[in-house]
Amino acid sequence: MTAEVDIKNPDGSWYRENWKMSFNPPKSFDIEILSGPMKGTKHTHTYTPMGNKTKVVVEGEFIVQGADEALVRKAALGMFEKVFNEDSANLRSYK
């Protein structure tokens, strides 16, 4: 599936990206960013059941136009931390 995604910057401004997403439920999904400042980024999220927990592995190549490797790493880890925290909060209230 493809989707237009609006992304909010830390300064409050917005930009739009086009994503290509492939799903393999319940085991994994892939994302490829087709436009915008992260064009060329690709990552795969794989889920492994571990009793009452789930192991999540994210692998890929992260690209931010005009940014060095340290900034790209910081941005990717910050994004995944935010997603993890949001998902964790939602799962605590899931019934």
Protein backbone atom coordinates (compact mmCIF):
# COMPACT_ATOMS: atom_id res chain seq x y z
CA MET A 1 0.00 0.00 0.00
CA THR A 2 1.15 3.57 -0.51
CA ALA A 3 0.26 6.49 1.73
CA GLU A 4 0.82 10.22 1.96
CA VAL A 5 2.06 10.91 5.48
CA ASP A 6 2.16 14.31 7.17
CA ILE A 7 5.12 14.60 9.56
CA LYS A 8 5.42 17.23 12.28
CA ASN A 9 8.88 18.75 12.83
CA PRO A 10 10.16 19.56 16.33
CA ASP A 11 9.65 23.27 15.52
CA GLY A 12 5.93 22.68 14.86
CA SER A 13 6.10 22.93 11.06
CA TRP A 14 4.87 20.09 8.84
CA TYR A 15 6.04 18.27 5.73
CA ARG A 16 4.61 15.46 3.59
CA GLU A 17 6.22 12.17 2.55
CA ASN A 18 5.01 9.30 0.37
CA TRP A 19 5.49 5.86 1.93
CA LYS A 20 5.31 2.38 0.44
CA MET A 21 4.27 -0.13 3.10
CA SER A 22 4.16 -3.93 2.88
CA PHE A 23 2.53 -6.00 5.62
CA ASN A 24 3.12 -9.60 6.65
CA PRO A 25 0.83 -9.92 9.70
CA PRO A 26 1.44 -10.83 12.40
CA LYS A 27 5.17 -11.25 11.77
CA SER A 28 6.47 -8.07 10.15
CA PHE A 29 6.04 -4.98 8.01
CA ASP A 30 8.31 -2.96 5.71
CA ILE A 31 8.39 0.78 5.04
CA GLU A 32 10.13 2.57 2.17
CA ILE A 33 10.03 6.37 2.02
CA LEU A 34 9.59 7.51 -1.59
CA SER A 35 9.71 11.32 -1.23
CA GLY A 36 10.62 14.09 1.18
CA PRO A 37 13.77 14.68 3.25
CA MET A 38 14.01 10.98 4.19
CA LYS A 39 13.66 9.67 0.62
CA GLY A 40 15.45 6.33 0.28
CA THR A 41 14.93 5.26 3.89
CA LYS A 42 13.87 1.62 4.21
CA HIS A 43 13.22 -0.36 7.37
CA THR A 44 11.67 -3.67 8.41
CA HIS A 45 9.94 -4.31 11.74
CA THR A 46 9.87 -7.97 12.81
CA TYR A 47 7.85 -9.30 15.77
CA THR A 48 8.71 -12.45 17.74
CA PRO A 49 6.38 -13.70 20.53
CA MET A 50 8.21 -14.32 23.80
CA GLY A 51 5.68 -15.53 26.35
CA ASN A 52 3.70 -12.52 27.56
CA LYS A 53 6.04 -10.11 25.71
CA THR A 54 6.97 -9.46 22.10
CA LYS A 55 10.47 -8.88 20.79
CA VAL A 56 10.60 -6.15 18.12
CA VAL A 57 13.60 -5.88 15.80
CA VAL A 58 13.95 -2.89 13.46
CA GLU A 59 16.52 -3.13 10.69
CA GLY A 60 17.14 -0.82 7.80
CA GLU A 61 18.86 2.12 6.26
CA PHE A 62 17.89 5.57 7.48
CA ILE A 63 18.56 8.61 5.31
CA VAL A 64 17.98 12.29 6.07
CA GLN A 65 18.94 14.64 3.25
CA GLY A 66 21.72 17.00 4.37
CA ALA A 67 22.33 15.33 7.75
CA ASP A 68 25.43 13.53 8.98
CA GLU A 69 25.36 9.97 10.35
CA ALA A 70 25.24 11.06 14.01
CA LEU A 71 22.17 13.26 13.43
CA VAL A 72 20.42 10.54 11.39
CA ARG A 73 21.04 8.02 14.20
CA LYS A 74 19.75 10.44 16.84
CA ALA A 75 16.62 11.22 14.77
CA ALA A 76 15.84 7.55 14.07
CA LEU A 77 16.30 6.51 17.71
CA GLY A 78 14.21 9.47 18.89
CA MET A 79 11.39 8.56 16.51
CA PHE A 80 11.38 4.92 17.64
CA GLU A 81 11.47 5.93 21.31
CA LYS A 82 8.41 8.13 20.77
CA VAL A 83 6.55 5.35 18.91
CA PHE A 84 7.48 2.81 21.61
CA ASN A 85 6.22 5.10 24.39
CA GLU A 86 2.95 5.80 22.55
CA ASP A 87 2.39 2.11 21.80
CA SER A 88 3.21 1.09 25.38
CA ALA A 89 0.69 3.58 26.76
CA ASN A 90 -1.99 2.35 24.35
CA LEU A 91 -1.32 -1.31 25.12
CA ARG A 92 -1.65 -0.71 28.89
CA SER A 93 -5.23 0.42 28.32
CA TYR A 94 -6.02 -2.32 25.76
CA LYS A 95 -8.63 -4.83 26.89
